[in-house]
Protein backbone atom coordinates (compact mmCIF):
# COMPACT_ATOMS: atom_id res chain seq x y z
CA UNK A 1 -0.09 0.18 0.07
CA UNK A 2 1.98 3.50 -1.50
CA UNK A 3 1.88 6.05 1.26
CA UNK A 4 0.83 9.73 0.62
CA UNK A 5 3.26 12.00 -0.68
CA UNK A 6 2.93 14.39 2.33
CA UNK A 7 4.09 11.49 4.84
CA UNK A 8 6.39 10.67 2.95
CA UNK A 9 7.94 13.73 2.86
CA UNK A 10 7.23 14.40 6.36
CA UNK A 11 9.51 11.14 6.98
CA UNK A 12 12.57 12.51 4.60
CA UNK A 13 12.25 15.87 6.74
CA UNK A 14 12.40 13.59 10.11
CA UNK A 15 15.31 11.67 8.72
CA UNK A 16 17.26 14.98 7.64
CA UNK A 17 16.50 16.53 10.79
CA UNK A 18 17.77 13.78 13.07
CA UNK A 19 20.77 13.46 11.21
CA UNK A 20 21.64 17.07 11.55
CA UNK A 21 21.04 17.29 15.09
CA UNK A 22 23.52 14.22 15.12
CA UNK A 23 25.87 16.14 13.29
CA UNK A 24 25.77 19.49 15.82
CA UNK A 25 25.96 16.61 18.82
CA UNK A 26 29.43 15.45 17.36
CA UNK A 27 30.75 18.72 15.94
CA UNK A 28 29.65 20.76 19.86
CA UNK A 29 31.21 17.00 21.13
CA UNK A 30 34.31 17.75 19.19
CA UNK A 31 34.66 20.75 19.90
CA UNK A 32 34.49 20.23 23.48
CA UNK A 33 37.26 17.88 23.85
CA UNK A 34 39.34 19.83 22.09
CA UNK A 35 38.80 23.01 24.42
CA UNK A 36 39.26 20.59 27.06
CA UNK A 37 42.45 19.63 25.46
CA UNK A 38 43.76 23.27 25.28
CA UNK A 39 42.51 24.54 28.09
CA UNK A 40 44.46 21.57 29.82
CA UNK A 41 47.46 22.55 28.09
CA UNK A 42 47.07 26.35 28.91
CA UNK A 43 46.71 25.54 32.63
CA UNK A 44 49.79 23.92 32.22
CA UNK A 45 51.48 26.34 30.74
CA UNK A 46 50.26 29.66 32.85
CA UNK A 47 51.36 26.89 35.84
CA UNK A 48 54.90 27.12 34.57
CA UNK A 49 55.41 30.26 33.18
CA UNK A 50 54.05 31.46 37.05
CA UNK A 51 56.63 29.14 38.72
CA UNK A 52 59.34 30.27 36.16
CA UNK A 53 58.12 34.18 37.14
CA UNK A 54 58.31 33.18 40.59
CA UNK A 55 61.96 31.87 40.27
CA UNK A 56 62.73 35.23 38.20
CA UNK A 57 61.68 37.37 40.72
CA UNK A 58 63.19 35.71 44.14
CA UNK A 59 66.62 35.84 41.67
CA UNK A 60 65.95 39.27 40.76
CA UNK A 61 65.57 39.93 44.67
CA UNK A 62 68.54 38.18 45.69
CA UNK A 63 70.88 40.37 42.96
CA UNK A 64 69.23 43.73 43.73
CA UNK A 65 70.28 42.74 47.80
CA UNK A 66 73.82 41.43 46.38
CA UNK A 67 73.75 44.50 44.61
CA UNK A 68 72.80 46.77 47.99
CA UNK A 69 75.27 45.21 49.91
CA UNK A 70 78.01 45.19 47.18
CA UNK A 71 77.42 49.46 46.91
CA UNK A 72 77.54 49.79 51.16
CA UNK A 73 80.54 48.06 51.00
CA UNK A 74 82.04 49.88 48.08
CA UNK A 75 80.90 53.22 50.14
CA UNK A 76 82.55 52.19 53.15
CA UNK A 77 85.95 51.23 51.34
CA UNK A 78 85.31 54.72 49.76
CA UNK A 79 84.89 56.74 53.19
CA UNK A 80 87.75 54.75 54.61
CA UNK A 81 89.92 55.48 51.93
CA UNK A 82 89.03 59.18 51.87
CA UNK A 83 89.68 59.31 55.52
CA UNK A 84 92.89 57.29 55.46
CA UNK A 85 94.38 59.77 52.22
CA UNK A 86 93.54 62.97 54.62
CA UNK A 87 94.93 61.23 57.72
CA UNK A 88 98.04 60.25 55.77
CA UNK A 89 98.21 64.02 54.34
CA UNK A 90 98.04 65.32 57.60
CA UNK A 91 100.62 62.83 58.72
CA UNK A 92 102.94 64.46 55.94
CA UNK A 93 102.53 67.57 56.59
CA UNK A 94 103.40 67.05 60.53
CA UNK A 95 106.71 64.95 59.73
CA UNK A 96 107.51 67.57 57.09
CA UNK A 97 107.07 70.08 60.26
CA UNK A 98 108.93 68.14 62.07
CA UNK A 99 111.81 68.00 59.98
CA UNK A 100 112.32 71.41 58.88
CA UNK A 101 111.92 71.74 62.96
CA UNK A 102 114.90 69.56 63.64
CA UNK A 103 116.83 70.28 60.98
CA UNK A 104 116.62 74.67 62.64
CA UNK A 105 117.36 72.88 65.73
CA UNK A 106 120.32 71.10 64.35
CA UNK A 107 121.86 74.41 62.65
CA UNK A 108 120.60 76.41 65.64
CA UNK A 109 122.76 74.03 68.00
CA UNK A 110 125.98 73.91 65.70
CA UNK A 111 125.66 77.46 65.71
CA UNK A 112 126.04 77.72 69.78
CA UNK A 113 128.56 75.42 69.87
CA UNK A 114 130.93 77.10 67.37
CA UNK A 115 130.33 80.12 69.76
CA UNK A 116 130.75 78.52 72.86
CA UNK A 117 134.02 76.36 71.33
CA UNK A 118 135.57 78.96 69.74
CA UNK A 119 135.25 78.36 66.27
CA UNK A 120 132.47 81.28 64.99
CA UNK A 121 133.02 84.00 63.38
CA UNK A 122 134.30 86.46 65.66
CA UNK A 123 132.36 89.20 63.36
CA UNK A 124 129.10 90.92 62.96
CA UNK A 125 127.51 89.56 60.41
CA UNK A 126 124.31 88.14 58.41
CA UNK A 127 123.34 84.88 59.22
CA UNK A 128 120.67 84.03 57.66
CA UNK A 129 117.77 85.56 55.21
CA UNK A 130 114.85 83.66 54.54
CA UNK A 131 112.02 85.40 51.89
CA UNK A 132 108.60 83.36 51.60
CA UNK A 133 105.76 84.13 49.77
CA UNK A 134 102.53 85.27 51.00
CA UNK A 135 99.30 82.74 50.72
CA UNK A 136 97.19 85.06 50.09
CA UNK A 137 98.51 88.25 48.09
CA UNK A 138 101.25 87.48 45.47
CA UNK A 139 103.29 90.88 46.11
CA UNK A 140 103.62 90.51 49.14
CA UNK A 141 106.63 88.66 51.42
CA UNK A 142 107.30 87.60 54.75
CA UNK A 143 111.16 88.35 55.38
CA UNK A 144 113.10 86.56 58.32
CA UNK A 145 116.88 88.28 59.10
CA UNK A 146 119.20 86.89 61.59
CA UNK A 147 122.22 88.20 62.39
CA UNK A 148 124.93 87.48 64.98
CA UNK A 149 128.15 87.62 66.42
CA UNK A 150 130.95 85.36 67.94
CA UNK A 151 132.81 87.61 70.12
CA UNK A 152 132.22 87.41 74.19
CA UNK A 153 131.39 91.20 75.31
CA UNK A 154 129.80 92.51 78.50
CA UNK A 155 127.31 94.96 76.39
CA UNK A 156 125.24 94.16 73.11
CA UNK A 157 125.90 95.64 70.31
CA UNK A 158 122.96 98.55 69.31
CA UNK A 159 122.48 100.03 66.26
CA UNK A 160 119.92 100.74 63.49
CA UNK A 161 119.14 98.11 61.12
CA UNK A 162 117.79 98.91 57.89
CA UNK A 163 116.37 96.78 54.81
CA UNK A 164 116.32 98.18 51.19
CA UNK A 165 114.62 96.30 48.62
CA UNK A 166 116.77 97.12 44.78
CA UNK A 167 114.74 96.21 41.67
CA UNK A 168 114.03 97.02 38.16
CA UNK A 169 111.23 99.39 37.14
CA UNK A 170 111.76 98.90 33.18
CA UNK A 171 114.90 100.38 32.08
CA UNK A 172 116.08 101.90 35.80
CA UNK A 173 117.28 100.76 38.61
CA UNK A 174 115.62 101.45 41.88
CA UNK A 175 116.00 100.90 45.71
CA UNK A 176 113.39 101.49 48.25
CA UNK A 177 113.69 100.78 51.81
CA UNK A 178 111.39 98.01 53.13
CA UNK A 179 111.50 98.30 57.05
CA UNK A 180 114.13 99.43 59.85
CA UNK A 181 114.85 97.32 63.02
CA UNK A 182 116.99 98.84 66.48
CA UNK A 183 119.34 95.73 67.08
CA UNK A 184 120.34 94.93 70.56
CA UNK A 185 122.25 91.72 70.57
CA UNK A 186 124.98 89.55 72.19
CA UNK A 187 125.33 86.73 69.97
CA UNK A 188 122.23 86.13 67.83
CA UNK A 189 119.10 88.59 67.03
CA UNK A 190 115.80 87.37 64.59
CA UNK A 191 113.98 90.08 62.92
CA UNK A 192 111.03 89.39 61.26
CA UNK A 193 108.65 91.64 58.92
CA UNK A 194 106.71 92.22 55.79
CA UNK A 195 107.82 93.07 52.16
CA UNK A 196 104.95 94.72 49.40
CA UNK A 197 106.92 94.51 45.75
CA UNK A 198 105.19 98.02 44.46
CA UNK A 199 103.99 97.37 40.66
CA UNK A 200 105.90 96.68 37.68
CA UNK A 201 108.87 96.21 39.95
CA UNK A 202 110.88 93.44 39.38
CA UNK A 203 113.43 92.51 42.69
CA UNK A 204 116.85 92.09 42.44
CA UNK A 205 118.62 91.86 45.48
CA UNK A 206 118.00 92.86 49.46
CA UNK A 207 120.54 95.60 51.12
CA UNK A 208 120.87 95.16 54.78
CA UNK A 209 122.95 97.89 56.84
CA UNK A 210 123.55 98.86 60.00
CA UNK A 211 123.98 102.50 61.63
CA UNK A 212 125.80 102.78 64.93
CA UNK A 213 126.49 106.72 66.18
CA UNK A 214 125.49 107.89 62.30
CA UNK A 215 128.49 105.78 60.62
CA UNK A 216 127.32 102.47 59.03
CA UNK A 217 129.82 99.71 60.30
CA UNK A 218 127.91 97.16 58.35
CA UNK A 219 126.81 96.93 54.77
CA UNK A 220 125.51 93.97 52.80
CA UNK A 221 123.83 92.87 49.77
CA UNK A 222 122.00 89.50 49.12
CA UNK A 223 120.48 88.54 45.85
CA UNK A 224 116.59 87.98 45.63
CA UNK A 225 115.72 84.42 46.26
CA UNK A 226 112.24 83.03 47.48
CA UNK A 227 112.10 80.08 49.10
CA UNK A 228 110.13 77.58 51.47
CA UNK A 229 112.74 76.93 53.91
CA UNK A 230 115.39 79.68 55.66
CA UNK A 231 118.73 79.86 53.74
CA UNK A 232 121.73 79.80 55.95
CA UNK A 233 124.22 81.70 54.20
CA UNK A 234 128.44 81.94 54.64
CA UNK A 235 130.33 83.13 57.74
């Protein structure tokens, strides 16, 4: 018995719908399985990356701490080195000052030994002239003059001591008075004073004169020489 065409068409349509549903279910199942697999792989990857990131953060923290310690140690060593440098400089300065003092004391001792032993010159003479530059003013100088004699005298030698600066200004040689001192010595007398160079003058020498009772009894000219320590003259 033949089925009506309408029923046949309905059956075909139902079969097609069933097949389509099955296909969709299969596709959905495949997609779900793929997603499950992908999600698991991604989760594993994320976990691995998080672990590596934690390790890197810990390593970074360790390096930061090491850098801090090294920086602090370096700073401490630099400060210690700076303190040591300053200390060494001060010690060297004190040593140089002490050595200069020893030299001067030895010179003084030798001089007075010569006097007491009768081997020093008996004449009144210029023993020493020391000229040093002032630290702050380039045309200012300090001088130290030592006058001595080796005679055994009962009264001190007295007189007026005059210092004059001889220098060149252009083509001319000029002499200017520096200072005057009152001499009153038995063996040694030290004089200190300041020299201010006139502008455009080139110093050549220092003239030292002693006047006693309006008569010049000592006159000596010494070349201009700036030193850092006293210069001993020939006796």
